[in-house]
């Protein structure tokens, strides 16, 4: 895994942690924001698709 992939993986993991925290705290706006961040990172990591390359 190169440095960019490592950074992206850390961003994705952080978004999952934020999503978890927002769900437990019952903050729908925070959960939606974390999910959007996660999906954006996954989209970028997969070369512009949710299905991978």
C-alpha atoms as a PDB file:
ATOM      1  CA  UNK A   1       0.000   0.000   0.000  1.00  0.00           C
ATOM      2  CA  UNK A   2       1.491   3.354  -0.962  1.00  0.00           C
ATOM      3  CA  UNK A   3       1.352   6.529   1.126  1.00  0.00           C
ATOM      4  CA  UNK A   4      -1.787   7.868  -0.607  1.00  0.00           C
ATOM      5  CA  UNK A   5      -3.628   4.596  -0.012  1.00  0.00           C
ATOM      6  CA  UNK A   6      -2.586   4.634   3.641  1.00  0.00           C
ATOM      7  CA  UNK A   7      -3.859   8.194   4.030  1.00  0.00           C
ATOM      8  CA  UNK A   8      -7.146   7.325   2.340  1.00  0.00           C
ATOM      9  CA  UNK A   9      -7.568   4.262   4.548  1.00  0.00           C
ATOM     10  CA  UNK A  10      -7.015   6.436   7.634  1.00  0.00           C
ATOM     11  CA  UNK A  11      -9.613   8.926   6.368  1.00  0.00           C
ATOM     12  CA  UNK A  12     -12.103   6.119   5.756  1.00  0.00           C
ATOM     13  CA  UNK A  13     -11.475   4.637   9.210  1.00  0.00           C
ATOM     14  CA  UNK A  14     -11.918   8.063  10.776  1.00  0.00           C
ATOM     15  CA  UNK A  15     -15.218   8.510   8.975  1.00  0.00           C
ATOM     16  CA  UNK A  16     -16.408   5.119  10.254  1.00  0.00           C
ATOM     17  CA  UNK A  17     -15.430   6.111  13.803  1.00  0.00           C
ATOM     18  CA  UNK A  18     -17.294   9.415  13.420  1.00  0.00           C
ATOM     19  CA  UNK A  19     -20.331   7.579  12.027  1.00  0.00           C
ATOM     20  CA  UNK A  20     -20.301   5.196  14.977  1.00  0.00           C
ATOM     21  CA  UNK A  21     -20.072   8.063  17.463  1.00  0.00           C
ATOM     22  CA  UNK A  22     -22.861  10.017  15.761  1.00  0.00           C
ATOM     23  CA  UNK A  23     -25.199   7.015  15.710  1.00  0.00           C
ATOM     24  CA  UNK A  24     -24.573   6.285  19.385  1.00  0.00           C
ATOM     25  CA  UNK A  25     -25.141   9.957  20.238  1.00  0.00           C
ATOM     26  CA  UNK A  26     -28.300   9.978  18.087  1.00  0.00           C
ATOM     27  CA  UNK A  27     -27.075  12.856  15.888  1.00  0.00           C
ATOM     28  CA  UNK A  28     -28.517  12.185  12.412  1.00  0.00           C
ATOM     29  CA  UNK A  29     -26.775  15.163  10.801  1.00  0.00           C
ATOM     30  CA  UNK A  30     -23.402  13.981  12.082  1.00  0.00           C
ATOM     31  CA  UNK A  31     -24.101  10.443  10.868  1.00  0.00           C
ATOM     32  CA  UNK A  32     -25.055  11.723   7.413  1.00  0.00           C
ATOM     33  CA  UNK A  33     -21.928  13.873   7.199  1.00  0.00           C
ATOM     34  CA  UNK A  34     -19.678  10.983   8.256  1.00  0.00           C
ATOM     35  CA  UNK A  35     -21.329   8.654   5.749  1.00  0.00           C
ATOM     36  CA  UNK A  36     -20.873  11.205   2.965  1.00  0.00           C
ATOM     37  CA  UNK A  37     -17.176  11.548   3.873  1.00  0.00           C
ATOM     38  CA  UNK A  38     -16.752   7.772   3.907  1.00  0.00           C
ATOM     39  CA  UNK A  39     -18.444   7.370   0.518  1.00  0.00           C
ATOM     40  CA  UNK A  40     -16.267  10.141  -0.967  1.00  0.00           C
ATOM     41  CA  UNK A  41     -13.087   8.432   0.223  1.00  0.00           C
ATOM     42  CA  UNK A  42     -14.218   5.036  -1.077  1.00  0.00           C
ATOM     43  CA  UNK A  43     -15.186   6.608  -4.420  1.00  0.00           C
ATOM     44  CA  UNK A  44     -11.707   8.136  -4.731  1.00  0.00           C
ATOM     45  CA  UNK A  45      -9.919   4.945  -3.645  1.00  0.00           C
ATOM     46  CA  UNK A  46     -11.853   2.896  -6.198  1.00  0.00           C
ATOM     47  CA  UNK A  47     -10.981   5.142  -9.117  1.00  0.00           C
ATOM     48  CA  UNK A  48     -14.292   6.990  -9.389  1.00  0.00           C
ATOM     49  CA  UNK A  49     -16.681   4.099  -8.794  1.00  0.00           C
ATOM     50  CA  UNK A  50     -18.182   2.241  -5.853  1.00  0.00           C
ATOM     51  CA  UNK A  51     -17.400  -1.109  -7.504  1.00  0.00           C
ATOM     52  CA  UNK A  52     -13.591  -0.947  -7.571  1.00  0.00           C
ATOM     53  CA  UNK A  53     -11.261  -1.361 -10.482  1.00  0.00           C
END
